[in-house]
Amino acid sequence: NSKVTVELDLQSCSTLKDGHLMYLAELSSLRALNLYRVNIQNRALKAIAENNHHLQHINLGGCTRIRDFDEAVADLATNCKDLRTIDLWRCQNFTAEGLSHLANNCSALEEIDVGWE
């Protein structure tokens, strides 16, 4: 009987580097991932999304190392069609393009948080 990681909360684990976070791509059954204020970058997030197709909840709030949130959201929307909630609090470059990816690919989406304060 193997154990499966379904939820992972790394909130504020600021000492983790992008290379460390690449190991999360080896998981394949995540349903909820909290990366609030984690130093993840687009490359690691894409790898995680590509291997966790049933991800339903993700928190990317305060992830200041993501250089292109539209690209990050496109990777998530393309690979994680079961996405229900996404938290993009304080993301600085999420545009209508990213929103379009979510709308066109994630029919189960219930909540998008793009708050600033």
PDB file of N, CA and C in Angstrom:
ATOM      1  N   ASN A   1       0.848  -1.178   0.000  1.00  0.00           N
ATOM      2  CA  ASN A   1       0.000   0.000   0.000  1.00  0.00           C
ATOM      3  C   ASN A   1       0.893   1.241   0.000  1.00  0.00           C
ATOM      4  N   SER A   2       0.916   1.960  -1.083  1.00  0.00           N
ATOM      5  CA  SER A   2       1.766   3.142  -1.176  1.00  0.00           C
ATOM      6  C   SER A   2       1.012   4.379  -0.715  1.00  0.00           C
ATOM      7  N   LYS A   3       1.752   5.292  -0.120  1.00  0.00           N
ATOM      8  CA  LYS A   3       1.154   6.548   0.329  1.00  0.00           C
ATOM      9  C   LYS A   3       1.218   7.554  -0.815  1.00  0.00           C
ATOM     10  N   VAL A   4       0.184   8.365  -0.906  1.00  0.00           N
ATOM     11  CA  VAL A   4       0.076   9.338  -1.974  1.00  0.00           C
ATOM     12  C   VAL A   4      -0.055  10.726  -1.356  1.00  0.00           C
ATOM     13  N   THR A   5       0.718  11.664  -1.836  1.00  0.00           N
ATOM     14  CA  THR A   5       0.610  13.045  -1.380  1.00  0.00           C
ATOM     15  C   THR A   5      -0.476  13.733  -2.193  1.00  0.00           C
ATOM     16  N   VAL A   6      -1.534  14.146  -1.497  1.00  0.00           N
ATOM     17  CA  VAL A   6      -2.663  14.774  -2.168  1.00  0.00           C
ATOM     18  C   VAL A   6      -2.674  16.278  -1.908  1.00  0.00           C
ATOM     19  N   GLU A   7      -2.320  16.682  -0.700  1.00  0.00           N
ATOM     20  CA  GLU A   7      -2.257  18.097  -0.347  1.00  0.00           C
ATOM     21  C   GLU A   7      -0.867  18.426   0.175  1.00  0.00           C
ATOM     22  N   LEU A   8      -0.348  19.559  -0.249  1.00  0.00           N
ATOM     23  CA  LEU A   8       0.975  19.974   0.194  1.00  0.00           C
ATOM     24  C   LEU A   8       0.948  21.470   0.464  1.00  0.00           C
ATOM     25  N   ASP A   9       1.344  21.840   1.682  1.00  0.00           N
ATOM     26  CA  ASP A   9       1.349  23.241   2.088  1.00  0.00           C
ATOM     27  C   ASP A   9       2.782  23.661   2.376  1.00  0.00           C
ATOM     28  N   LEU A  10       3.339  24.482   1.499  1.00  0.00           N
ATOM     29  CA  LEU A  10       4.702  24.990   1.651  1.00  0.00           C
ATOM     30  C   LEU A  10       4.696  26.491   1.914  1.00  0.00           C
ATOM     31  N   GLN A  11       3.581  26.998   2.401  1.00  0.00           N
ATOM     32  CA  GLN A  11       3.411  28.432   2.632  1.00  0.00           C
ATOM     33  C   GLN A  11       4.592  29.023   3.380  1.00  0.00           C
ATOM     34  N   SER A  12       5.138  30.087   2.797  1.00  0.00           N
ATOM     35  CA  SER A  12       6.225  30.880   3.384  1.00  0.00           C
ATOM     36  C   SER A  12       7.532  30.109   3.590  1.00  0.00           C
ATOM     37  N   CYS A  13       7.712  29.022   2.886  1.00  0.00           N
ATOM     38  CA  CYS A  13       8.990  28.299   2.933  1.00  0.00           C
ATOM     39  C   CYS A  13       9.962  29.011   1.990  1.00  0.00           C
ATOM     40  N   SER A  14      10.404  30.164   2.422  1.00  0.00           N
ATOM     41  CA  SER A  14      11.175  31.051   1.552  1.00  0.00           C
ATOM     42  C   SER A  14      12.608  30.586   1.318  1.00  0.00           C
ATOM     43  N   THR A  15      13.082  29.598   2.059  1.00  0.00           N
ATOM     44  CA  THR A  15      14.441  29.116   1.835  1.00  0.00           C
ATOM     45  C   THR A  15      14.510  28.097   0.697  1.00  0.00           C
ATOM     46  N   LEU A  16      13.352  27.608   0.249  1.00  0.00           N
ATOM     47  CA  LEU A  16      13.342  26.682  -0.880  1.00  0.00           C
ATOM     48  C   LEU A  16      13.662  27.436  -2.159  1.00  0.00           C
ATOM     49  N   LYS A  17      14.527  26.871  -2.946  1.00  0.00           N
ATOM     50  CA  LYS A  17      14.901  27.460  -4.234  1.00  0.00           C
ATOM     51  C   LYS A  17      14.163  26.726  -5.356  1.00  0.00           C
ATOM     52  N   ASP A  18      14.165  27.310  -6.528  1.00  0.00           N
ATOM     53  CA  ASP A  18      13.460  26.728  -7.662  1.00  0.00           C
ATOM     54  C   ASP A  18      13.940  25.303  -7.945  1.00  0.00           C
ATOM     55  N   GLY A  19      15.242  25.060  -7.818  1.00  0.00           N
ATOM     56  CA  GLY A  19      15.768  23.710  -8.040  1.00  0.00           C
ATOM     57  C   GLY A  19      15.187  22.692  -7.072  1.00  0.00           C
ATOM     58  N   HIS A  20      14.991  23.100  -5.820  1.00  0.00           N
ATOM     59  CA  HIS A  20      14.368  22.212  -4.836  1.00  0.00           C
ATOM     60  C   HIS A  20      12.926  21.920  -5.229  1.00  0.00           C
ATOM     61  N   LEU A  21      12.249  22.951  -5.708  1.00  0.00           N
ATOM     62  CA  LEU A  21      10.834  22.816  -6.037  1.00  0.00           C
ATOM     63  C   LEU A  21      10.607  21.945  -7.277  1.00  0.00           C
ATOM     64  N   MET A  22      11.637  21.773  -8.087  1.00  0.00           N
ATOM     65  CA  MET A  22      11.522  20.883  -9.254  1.00  0.00           C
ATOM     66  C   MET A  22      11.208  19.453  -8.825  1.00  0.00           C
ATOM     67  N   TYR A  23      11.611  19.078  -7.613  1.00  0.00           N
ATOM     68  CA  TYR A  23      11.303  17.735  -7.117  1.00  0.00           C
ATOM     69  C   TYR A  23       9.804  17.506  -6.980  1.00  0.00           C
ATOM     70  N   LEU A  24       9.043  18.566  -6.819  1.00  0.00           N
ATOM     71  CA  LEU A  24       7.590  18.421  -6.724  1.00  0.00           C
ATOM     72  C   LEU A  24       6.992  17.885  -8.017  1.00  0.00           C
ATOM     73  N   ALA A  25       7.693  18.049  -9.112  1.00  0.00           N
ATOM     74  CA  ALA A  25       7.218  17.530 -10.396  1.00  0.00           C
ATOM     75  C   ALA A  25       7.178  16.006 -10.398  1.00  0.00           C
ATOM     76  N   GLU A  26       7.897  15.378  -9.462  1.00  0.00           N
ATOM     77  CA  GLU A  26       7.867  13.917  -9.372  1.00  0.00           C
ATOM     78  C   GLU A  26       6.575  13.416  -8.741  1.00  0.00           C
ATOM     79  N   LEU A  27       5.846  14.305  -8.073  1.00  0.00           N
ATOM     80  CA  LEU A  27       4.538  13.936  -7.532  1.00  0.00           C
ATOM     81  C   LEU A  27       3.536  13.962  -8.675  1.00  0.00           C
ATOM     82  N   SER A  28       2.542  13.101  -8.608  1.00  0.00           N
ATOM     83  CA  SER A  28       1.580  13.071  -9.708  1.00  0.00           C
ATOM     84  C   SER A  28       0.130  13.035  -9.239  1.00  0.00           C
ATOM     85  N   SER A  29      -0.098  13.150  -7.942  1.00  0.00           N
ATOM     86  CA  SER A  29      -1.473  13.053  -7.455  1.00  0.00           C
ATOM     87  C   SER A  29      -1.879  14.225  -6.573  1.00  0.00           C
ATOM     88  N   LEU A  30      -1.189  15.352  -6.720  1.00  0.00           N
ATOM     89  CA  LEU A  30      -1.549  16.525  -5.929  1.00  0.00           C
ATOM     90  C   LEU A  30      -2.938  17.024  -6.315  1.00  0.00           C
ATOM     91  N   ARG A  31      -3.722  17.354  -5.300  1.00  0.00           N
ATOM     92  CA  ARG A  31      -5.027  17.976  -5.517  1.00  0.00           C
ATOM     93  C   ARG A  31      -5.002  19.421  -5.024  1.00  0.00           C
ATOM     94  N   ALA A  32      -4.167  19.701  -4.011  1.00  0.00           N
ATOM     95  CA  ALA A  32      -4.069  21.055  -3.459  1.00  0.00           C
ATOM     96  C   ALA A  32      -2.607  21.369  -3.173  1.00  0.00           C
ATOM     97  N   LEU A  33      -2.173  22.548  -3.612  1.00  0.00           N
ATOM     98  CA  LEU A  33      -0.784  22.958  -3.433  1.00  0.00           C
ATOM     99  C   LEU A  33      -0.748  24.422  -3.021  1.00  0.00           C
ATOM    100  N   ASN A  34      -0.195  24.674  -1.841  1.00  0.00           N
ATOM    101  CA  ASN A  34      -0.083  26.031  -1.331  1.00  0.00           C
ATOM    102  C   ASN A  34       1.375  26.469  -1.438  1.00  0.00           C
ATOM    103  N   LEU A  35       1.628  27.389  -2.346  1.00  0.00           N
ATOM    104  CA  LEU A  35       2.974  27.927  -2.566  1.00  0.00           C
ATOM    105  C   LEU A  35       3.043  29.406  -2.195  1.00  0.00           C
ATOM    106  N   TYR A  36       2.153  29.852  -1.337  1.00  0.00           N
ATOM    107  CA  TYR A  36       2.109  31.245  -0.928  1.00  0.00           C
ATOM    108  C   TYR A  36       3.476  31.706  -0.429  1.00  0.00           C
ATOM    109  N   ARG A  37       3.991  32.779  -1.050  1.00  0.00           N
ATOM    110  CA  ARG A  37       5.285  33.379  -0.718  1.00  0.00           C
ATOM    111  C   ARG A  37       6.449  32.394  -0.791  1.00  0.00           C
ATOM    112  N   VAL A  38       6.412  31.522  -1.772  1.00  0.00           N
ATOM    113  CA  VAL A  38       7.505  30.590  -2.041  1.00  0.00           C
ATOM    114  C   VAL A  38       8.248  31.104  -3.268  1.00  0.00           C
ATOM    115  N   ASN A  39       9.542  30.871  -3.333  1.00  0.00           N
ATOM    116  CA  ASN A  39      10.375  31.396  -4.425  1.00  0.00           C
ATOM    117  C   ASN A  39      10.340  30.527  -5.677  1.00  0.00           C
ATOM    118  N   ILE A  40       9.171  30.121  -6.084  1.00  0.00           N
ATOM    119  CA  ILE A  40       9.046  29.297  -7.285  1.00  0.00           C
ATOM    120  C   ILE A  40       9.126  30.184  -8.531  1.00  0.00           C
ATOM    121  N   GLN A  41       9.628  29.596  -9.611  1.00  0.00           N
ATOM    122  CA  GLN A  41       9.703  30.296 -10.888  1.00  0.00           C
ATOM    123  C   GLN A  41       8.890  29.526 -11.918  1.00  0.00           C
ATOM    124  N   ASN A  42       8.729  30.109 -13.096  1.00  0.00           N
ATOM    125  CA  ASN A  42       7.891  29.512 -14.138  1.00  0.00           C
ATOM    126  C   ASN A  42       8.295  28.086 -14.489  1.00  0.00           C
ATOM    127  N   ARG A  43       9.580  27.818 -14.577  1.00  0.00           N
ATOM    128  CA  ARG A  43      10.060  26.495 -15.002  1.00  0.00           C
ATOM    129  C   ARG A  43       9.570  25.389 -14.076  1.00  0.00           C
ATOM    130  N   ALA A  44       9.712  25.578 -12.778  1.00  0.00           N
ATOM    131  CA  ALA A  44       9.286  24.563 -11.815  1.00  0.00           C
ATOM    132  C   ALA A  44       7.768  24.440 -11.784  1.00  0.00           C
ATOM    133  N   LEU A  45       7.071  25.559 -11.868  1.00  0.00           N
ATOM    134  CA  LEU A  45       5.616  25.509 -11.852  1.00  0.00           C
ATOM    135  C   LEU A  45       5.087  24.744 -13.065  1.00  0.00           C
ATOM    136  N   LYS A  46       5.703  24.968 -14.213  1.00  0.00           N
ATOM    137  CA  LYS A  46       5.283  24.252 -15.422  1.00  0.00           C
ATOM    138  C   LYS A  46       5.481  22.747 -15.250  1.00  0.00           C
ATOM    139  N   ALA A  47       6.615  22.338 -14.706  1.00  0.00           N
ATOM    140  CA  ALA A  47       6.886  20.915 -14.496  1.00  0.00           C
ATOM    141  C   ALA A  47       5.876  20.297 -13.527  1.00  0.00           C
ATOM    142  N   ILE A  48       5.537  21.024 -12.477  1.00  0.00           N
ATOM    143  CA  ILE A  48       4.538  20.536 -11.516  1.00  0.00           C
ATOM    144  C   ILE A  48       3.186  20.379 -12.208  1.00  0.00           C
ATOM    145  N   ALA A  49       2.785  21.384 -12.973  1.00  0.00           N
ATOM    146  CA  ALA A  49       1.494  21.336 -13.672  1.00  0.00           C
ATOM    147  C   ALA A  49       1.437  20.177 -14.661  1.00  0.00           C
ATOM    148  N   GLU A  50       2.532  19.931 -15.363  1.00  0.00           N
ATOM    149  CA  GLU A  50       2.556  18.864 -16.370  1.00  0.00           C
ATOM    150  C   GLU A  50       2.381  17.475 -15.763  1.00  0.00           C
ATOM    151  N   ASN A  51       2.691  17.311 -14.486  1.00  0.00           N
ATOM    152  CA  ASN A  51       2.609  15.987 -13.859  1.00  0.00           C
ATOM    153  C   ASN A  51       1.484  15.854 -12.848  1.00  0.00           C
ATOM    154  N   ASN A  52       0.709  16.898 -12.648  1.00  0.00           N
ATOM    155  CA  ASN A  52      -0.380  16.860 -11.666  1.00  0.00           C
ATOM    156  C   ASN A  52      -1.680  17.326 -12.314  1.00  0.00           C
ATOM    157  N   HIS A  53      -2.180  16.512 -13.218  1.00  0.00           N
ATOM    158  CA  HIS A  53      -3.338  16.872 -14.032  1.00  0.00           C
ATOM    159  C   HIS A  53      -4.629  17.032 -13.238  1.00  0.00           C
ATOM    160  N   HIS A  54      -4.677  16.499 -12.023  1.00  0.00           N
ATOM    161  CA  HIS A  54      -5.907  16.583 -11.235  1.00  0.00           C
ATOM    162  C   HIS A  54      -5.835  17.636 -10.138  1.00  0.00           C
ATOM    163  N   LEU A  55      -4.867  18.537 -10.243  1.00  0.00           N
ATOM    164  CA  LEU A  55      -4.747  19.628  -9.283  1.00  0.00           C
ATOM    165  C   LEU A  55      -6.022  20.464  -9.304  1.00  0.00           C
ATOM    166  N   GLN A  56      -6.583  20.708  -8.114  1.00  0.00           N
ATOM    167  CA  GLN A  56      -7.834  21.458  -8.012  1.00  0.00           C
ATOM    168  C   GLN A  56      -7.655  22.822  -7.354  1.00  0.00           C
ATOM    169  N   HIS A  57      -6.673  22.944  -6.478  1.00  0.00           N
ATOM    170  CA  HIS A  57      -6.485  24.188  -5.733  1.00  0.00           C
ATOM    171  C   HIS A  57      -4.997  24.547  -5.720  1.00  0.00           C
ATOM    172  N   ILE A  58      -4.698  25.789  -6.069  1.00  0.00           N
ATOM    173  CA  ILE A  58      -3.305  26.237  -6.008  1.00  0.00           C
ATOM    174  C   ILE A  58      -3.260  27.682  -5.520  1.00  0.00           C
ATOM    175  N   ASN A  59      -2.326  27.941  -4.638  1.00  0.00           N
ATOM    176  CA  ASN A  59      -2.114  29.290  -4.117  1.00  0.00           C
ATOM    177  C   ASN A  59      -0.730  29.751  -4.567  1.00  0.00           C
ATOM    178  N   LEU A  60      -0.711  30.768  -5.415  1.00  0.00           N
ATOM    179  CA  LEU A  60       0.528  31.374  -5.900  1.00  0.00           C
ATOM    180  C   LEU A  60       0.662  32.805  -5.397  1.00  0.00           C
ATOM    181  N   GLY A  61      -0.106  33.137  -4.372  1.00  0.00           N
ATOM    182  CA  GLY A  61      -0.071  34.481  -3.811  1.00  0.00           C
ATOM    183  C   GLY A  61       1.321  34.834  -3.301  1.00  0.00           C
ATOM    184  N   GLY A  62       1.773  36.022  -3.643  1.00  0.00           N
ATOM    185  CA  GLY A  62       3.062  36.496  -3.168  1.00  0.00           C
ATOM    186  C   GLY A  62       4.262  35.790  -3.771  1.00  0.00           C
ATOM    187  N   CYS A  63       4.068  35.051  -4.839  1.00  0.00           N
ATOM    188  CA  CYS A  63       5.186  34.358  -5.510  1.00  0.00           C
ATOM    189  C   CYS A  63       5.865  35.341  -6.464  1.00  0.00           C
ATOM    190  N   THR A  64       6.748  36.138  -5.919  1.00  0.00           N
ATOM    191  CA  THR A  64       7.351  37.240  -6.671  1.00  0.00           C
ATOM    192  C   THR A  64       8.383  36.797  -7.700  1.00  0.00           C
ATOM    193  N   ARG A  65       8.802  35.539  -7.673  1.00  0.00           N
ATOM    194  CA  ARG A  65       9.802  35.063  -8.642  1.00  0.00           C
ATOM    195  C   ARG A  65       9.185  34.580  -9.943  1.00  0.00           C
ATOM    196  N   ILE A  66       7.864  34.474  -9.979  1.00  0.00           N
ATOM    197  CA  ILE A  66       7.204  34.113 -11.244  1.00  0.00           C
ATOM    198  C   ILE A  66       7.261  35.341 -12.137  1.00  0.00           C
ATOM    199  N   ARG A  67       8.000  35.236 -13.229  1.00  0.00           N
ATOM    200  CA  ARG A  67       8.227  36.399 -14.081  1.00  0.00           C
ATOM    201  C   ARG A  67       7.053  36.684 -15.011  1.00  0.00           C
ATOM    202  N   ASP A  68       6.262  35.652 -15.333  1.00  0.00           N
ATOM    203  CA  ASP A  68       5.152  35.836 -16.266  1.00  0.00           C
ATOM    204  C   ASP A  68       3.961  35.027 -15.766  1.00  0.00           C
ATOM    205  N   PHE A  69       3.034  35.701 -15.098  1.00  0.00           N
ATOM    206  CA  PHE A  69       1.869  35.005 -14.552  1.00  0.00           C
ATOM    207  C   PHE A  69       0.934  34.513 -15.646  1.00  0.00           C
ATOM    208  N   ASP A  70       0.853  35.199 -16.766  1.00  0.00           N
ATOM    209  CA  ASP A  70       0.022  34.700 -17.869  1.00  0.00           C
ATOM    210  C   ASP A  70       0.544  33.355 -18.363  1.00  0.00           C
ATOM    211  N   GLU A  71       1.856  33.240 -18.483  1.00  0.00           N
ATOM    212  CA  GLU A  71       2.470  31.969 -18.895  1.00  0.00           C
ATOM    213  C   GLU A  71       2.222  30.895 -17.839  1.00  0.00           C
ATOM    214  N   ALA A  72       2.385  31.250 -16.572  1.00  0.00           N
ATOM    215  CA  ALA A  72       2.179  30.298 -15.480  1.00  0.00           C
ATOM    216  C   ALA A  72       0.735  29.802 -15.472  1.00  0.00           C
ATOM    217  N   VAL A  73      -0.206  30.722 -15.624  1.00  0.00           N
ATOM    218  CA  VAL A  73      -1.620  30.355 -15.627  1.00  0.00           C
ATOM    219  C   VAL A  73      -1.944  29.522 -16.866  1.00  0.00           C
ATOM    220  N   ALA A  74      -1.348  29.841 -18.001  1.00  0.00           N
ATOM    221  CA  ALA A  74      -1.567  29.045 -19.213  1.00  0.00           C
ATOM    222  C   ALA A  74      -1.086  27.613 -19.005  1.00  0.00           C
ATOM    223  N   ASP A  75       0.072  27.439 -18.366  1.00  0.00           N
ATOM    224  CA  ASP A  75       0.578  26.095 -18.076  1.00  0.00           C
ATOM    225  C   ASP A  75      -0.378  25.343 -17.164  1.00  0.00           C
ATOM    226  N   LEU A  76      -0.873  26.016 -16.150  1.00  0.00           N
ATOM    227  CA  LEU A  76      -1.823  25.383 -15.230  1.00  0.00           C
ATOM    228  C   LEU A  76      -3.134  25.047 -15.943  1.00  0.00           C
ATOM    229  N   ALA A  77      -3.677  25.998 -16.683  1.00  0.00           N
ATOM    230  CA  ALA A  77      -4.964  25.793 -17.343  1.00  0.00           C
ATOM    231  C   ALA A  77      -4.897  24.687 -18.390  1.00  0.00           C
ATOM    232  N   THR A  78      -3.785  24.580 -19.078  1.00  0.00           N
ATOM    233  CA  THR A  78      -3.622  23.563 -20.110  1.00  0.00           C
ATOM    234  C   THR A  78      -3.491  22.161 -19.517  1.00  0.00           C
ATOM    235  N   ASN A  79      -2.819  22.071 -18.388  1.00  0.00           N
ATOM    236  CA  ASN A  79      -2.524  20.761 -17.796  1.00  0.00           C
ATOM    237  C   ASN A  79      -3.443  20.353 -16.656  1.00  0.00           C
ATOM    238  N   CYS A  80      -4.057  21.300 -15.991  1.00  0.00           N
ATOM    239  CA  CYS A  80      -4.842  21.028 -14.782  1.00  0.00           C
ATOM    240  C   CYS A  80      -6.283  21.485 -14.998  1.00  0.00           C
ATOM    241  N   LYS A  81      -6.996  20.774 -15.825  1.00  0.00           N
ATOM    242  CA  LYS A  81      -8.342  21.185 -16.215  1.00  0.00           C
ATOM    243  C   LYS A  81      -9.363  21.036 -15.096  1.00  0.00           C
ATOM    244  N   ASP A  82      -9.003  20.354 -13.987  1.00  0.00           N
ATOM    245  CA  ASP A  82      -9.900  20.207 -12.831  1.00  0.00           C
ATOM    246  C   ASP A  82      -9.767  21.370 -11.852  1.00  0.00           C
ATOM    247  N   LEU A  83      -8.961  22.368 -12.187  1.00  0.00           N
ATOM    248  CA  LEU A  83      -8.701  23.484 -11.284  1.00  0.00           C
ATOM    249  C   LEU A  83     -10.008  24.150 -10.841  1.00  0.00           C
ATOM    250  N   ARG A  84     -10.149  24.305  -9.511  1.00  0.00           N
ATOM    251  CA  ARG A  84     -11.347  24.931  -8.940  1.00  0.00           C
ATOM    252  C   ARG A  84     -11.041  26.300  -8.343  1.00  0.00           C
ATOM    253  N   THR A  85      -9.873  26.420  -7.694  1.00  0.00           N
ATOM    254  CA  THR A  85      -9.492  27.709  -7.113  1.00  0.00           C
ATOM    255  C   THR A  85      -8.039  28.011  -7.429  1.00  0.00           C
ATOM    256  N   ILE A  86      -7.788  29.281  -7.693  1.00  0.00           N
ATOM    257  CA  ILE A  86      -6.420  29.736  -7.922  1.00  0.00           C
ATOM    258  C   ILE A  86      -6.263  31.095  -7.243  1.00  0.00           C
ATOM    259  N   ASP A  87      -5.235  31.208  -6.431  1.00  0.00           N
ATOM    260  CA  ASP A  87      -4.962  32.444  -5.710  1.00  0.00           C
ATOM    261  C   ASP A  87      -3.733  33.096  -6.330  1.00  0.00           C
ATOM    262  N   LEU A  88      -3.938  34.263  -6.883  1.00  0.00           N
ATOM    263  CA  LEU A  88      -2.872  35.029  -7.538  1.00  0.00           C
ATOM    264  C   LEU A  88      -2.647  36.348  -6.816  1.00  0.00           C
ATOM    265  N   TRP A  89      -2.871  36.374  -5.513  1.00  0.00           N
ATOM    266  CA  TRP A  89      -2.734  37.592  -4.719  1.00  0.00           C
ATOM    267  C   TRP A  89      -1.391  38.250  -4.967  1.00  0.00           C
ATOM    268  N   ARG A  90      -1.435  39.532  -5.269  1.00  0.00           N
ATOM    269  CA  ARG A  90      -0.252  40.355  -5.503  1.00  0.00           C
ATOM    270  C   ARG A  90       0.573  39.962  -6.738  1.00  0.00           C
ATOM    271  N   CYS A  91      -0.006  39.240  -7.649  1.00  0.00           N
ATOM    272  CA  CYS A  91       0.731  38.993  -8.892  1.00  0.00           C
ATOM    273  C   CYS A  91       0.698  40.285  -9.696  1.00  0.00           C
ATOM    274  N   GLN A  92       1.796  40.608 -10.318  1.00  0.00           N
ATOM    275  CA  GLN A  92       1.913  41.921 -10.944  1.00  0.00           C
ATOM    276  C   GLN A  92       1.678  41.930 -12.439  1.00  0.00           C
ATOM    277  N   ASN A  93       1.578  40.784 -13.061  1.00  0.00           N
ATOM    278  CA  ASN A  93       1.444  40.805 -14.513  1.00  0.00           C
ATOM    279  C   ASN A  93       0.457  39.766 -15.029  1.00  0.00           C
ATOM    280  N   PHE A  94      -0.642  39.600 -14.339  1.00  0.00           N
ATOM    281  CA  PHE A  94      -1.730  38.732 -14.787  1.00  0.00           C
ATOM    282  C   PHE A  94      -2.695  39.598 -15.587  1.00  0.00           C
ATOM    283  N   THR A  95      -2.948  39.213 -16.832  1.00  0.00           N
ATOM    284  CA  THR A  95      -3.780  40.031 -17.719  1.00  0.00           C
ATOM    285  C   THR A  95      -4.976  39.222 -18.226  1.00  0.00           C
ATOM    286  N   ALA A  96      -5.727  39.836 -19.121  1.00  0.00           N
ATOM    287  CA  ALA A  96      -6.874  39.173 -19.736  1.00  0.00           C
ATOM    288  C   ALA A  96      -6.449  37.911 -20.487  1.00  0.00           C
ATOM    289  N   GLU A  97      -5.212  37.879 -20.962  1.00  0.00           N
ATOM    290  CA  GLU A  97      -4.711  36.677 -21.649  1.00  0.00           C
ATOM    291  C   GLU A  97      -4.719  35.482 -20.703  1.00  0.00           C
ATOM    292  N   GLY A  98      -4.214  35.667 -19.489  1.00  0.00           N
ATOM    293  CA  GLY A  98      -4.214  34.591 -18.503  1.00  0.00           C
ATOM    294  C   GLY A  98      -5.621  34.195 -18.102  1.00  0.00           C
ATOM    295  N   LEU A  99      -6.471  35.185 -17.933  1.00  0.00           N
ATOM    296  CA  LEU A  99      -7.866  34.921 -17.581  1.00  0.00           C
ATOM    297  C   LEU A  99      -8.556  34.109 -18.671  1.00  0.00           C
ATOM    298  N   SER A 100      -8.247  34.413 -19.909  1.00  0.00           N
ATOM    299  CA  SER A 100      -8.808  33.681 -21.041  1.00  0.00           C
ATOM    300  C   SER A 100      -8.402  32.211 -21.008  1.00  0.00           C
ATOM    301  N   HIS A 101      -7.157  31.924 -20.670  1.00  0.00           N
ATOM    302  CA  HIS A 101      -6.709  30.527 -20.567  1.00  0.00           C
ATOM    303  C   HIS A 101      -7.530  29.780 -19.520  1.00  0.00           C
ATOM    304  N   LEU A 102      -7.756  30.415 -18.377  1.00  0.00           N
ATOM    305  CA  LEU A 102      -8.556  29.782 -17.326  1.00  0.00           C
ATOM    306  C   LEU A 102      -9.987  29.555 -17.800  1.00  0.00           C
ATOM    307  N   ALA A 103     -10.594  30.571 -18.397  1.00  0.00           N
ATOM    308  CA  ALA A 103     -11.983  30.480 -18.839  1.00  0.00           C
ATOM    309  C   ALA A 103     -12.173  29.401 -19.905  1.00  0.00           C
ATOM    310  N   ASN A 104     -11.204  29.261 -20.784  1.00  0.00           N
ATOM    311  CA  ASN A 104     -11.335  28.316 -21.893  1.00  0.00           C
ATOM    312  C   ASN A 104     -10.967  26.882 -21.541  1.00  0.00           C
ATOM    313  N   ASN A 105     -10.240  26.675 -20.449  1.00  0.00           N
ATOM    314  CA  ASN A 105      -9.747  25.333 -20.145  1.00  0.00           C
ATOM    315  C   ASN A 105     -10.221  24.738 -18.828  1.00  0.00           C
ATOM    316  N   CYS A 106     -10.671  25.568 -17.897  1.00  0.00           N
ATOM    317  CA  CYS A 106     -10.987  25.088 -16.543  1.00  0.00           C
ATOM    318  C   CYS A 106     -12.463  25.293 -16.245  1.00  0.00           C
ATOM    319  N   SER A 107     -13.292  24.393 -16.739  1.00  0.00           N
ATOM    320  CA  SER A 107     -14.743  24.562 -16.597  1.00  0.00           C
ATOM    321  C   SER A 107     -15.222  24.402 -15.160  1.00  0.00           C
ATOM    322  N   ALA A 108     -14.435  23.791 -14.288  1.00  0.00           N
ATOM    323  CA  ALA A 108     -14.826  23.607 -12.886  1.00  0.00           C
ATOM    324  C   ALA A 108     -14.398  24.788 -12.003  1.00  0.00           C
ATOM    325  N   LEU A 109     -13.744  25.784 -12.597  1.00  0.00           N
ATOM    326  CA  LEU A 109     -13.206  26.903 -11.825  1.00  0.00           C
ATOM    327  C   LEU A 109     -14.308  27.640 -11.077  1.00  0.00           C
ATOM    328  N   GLU A 110     -14.100  27.814  -9.776  1.00  0.00           N
ATOM    329  CA  GLU A 110     -15.073  28.490  -8.917  1.00  0.00           C
ATOM    330  C   GLU A 110     -14.561  29.821  -8.383  1.00  0.00           C
ATOM    331  N   GLU A 111     -13.236  29.942  -8.215  1.00  0.00           N
ATOM    332  CA  GLU A 111     -12.704  31.140  -7.574  1.00  0.00           C
ATOM    333  C   GLU A 111     -11.318  31.499  -8.103  1.00  0.00           C
ATOM    334  N   ILE A 112     -11.160  32.782  -8.408  1.00  0.00           N
ATOM    335  CA  ILE A 112      -9.867  33.351  -8.776  1.00  0.00           C
ATOM    336  C   ILE A 112      -9.647  34.546  -7.852  1.00  0.00           C
ATOM    337  N   ASP A 113      -8.587  34.525  -7.083  1.00  0.00           N
ATOM    338  CA  ASP A 113      -8.268  35.639  -6.191  1.00  0.00           C
ATOM    339  C   ASP A 113      -7.120  36.421  -6.811  1.00  0.00           C
ATOM    340  N   VAL A 114      -7.397  37.638  -7.198  1.00  0.00           N
ATOM    341  CA  VAL A 114      -6.353  38.511  -7.748  1.00  0.00           C
ATOM    342  C   VAL A 114      -6.235  39.781  -6.918  1.00  0.00           C
ATOM    343  N   GLY A 115      -6.617  39.705  -5.645  1.00  0.00           N
ATOM    344  CA  GLY A 115      -6.578  40.849  -4.752  1.00  0.00           C
ATOM    345  C   GLY A 115      -5.184  41.395  -4.585  1.00  0.00           C
ATOM    346  N   TRP A 116      -5.111  42.631  -4.199  1.00  0.00           N
ATOM    347  CA  TRP A 116      -3.812  43.263  -3.995  1.00  0.00           C
ATOM    348  C   TRP A 116      -3.529  43.508  -2.527  1.00  0.00           C
ATOM    349  N   GLU A 117      -4.465  43.948  -1.766  1.00  0.00           N
ATOM    350  CA  GLU A 117      -4.234  44.206  -0.332  1.00  0.00           C
ATOM    351  C   GLU A 117      -5.105  43.357   0.535  1.00  0.00           C
TER     352      GLU A 117
END
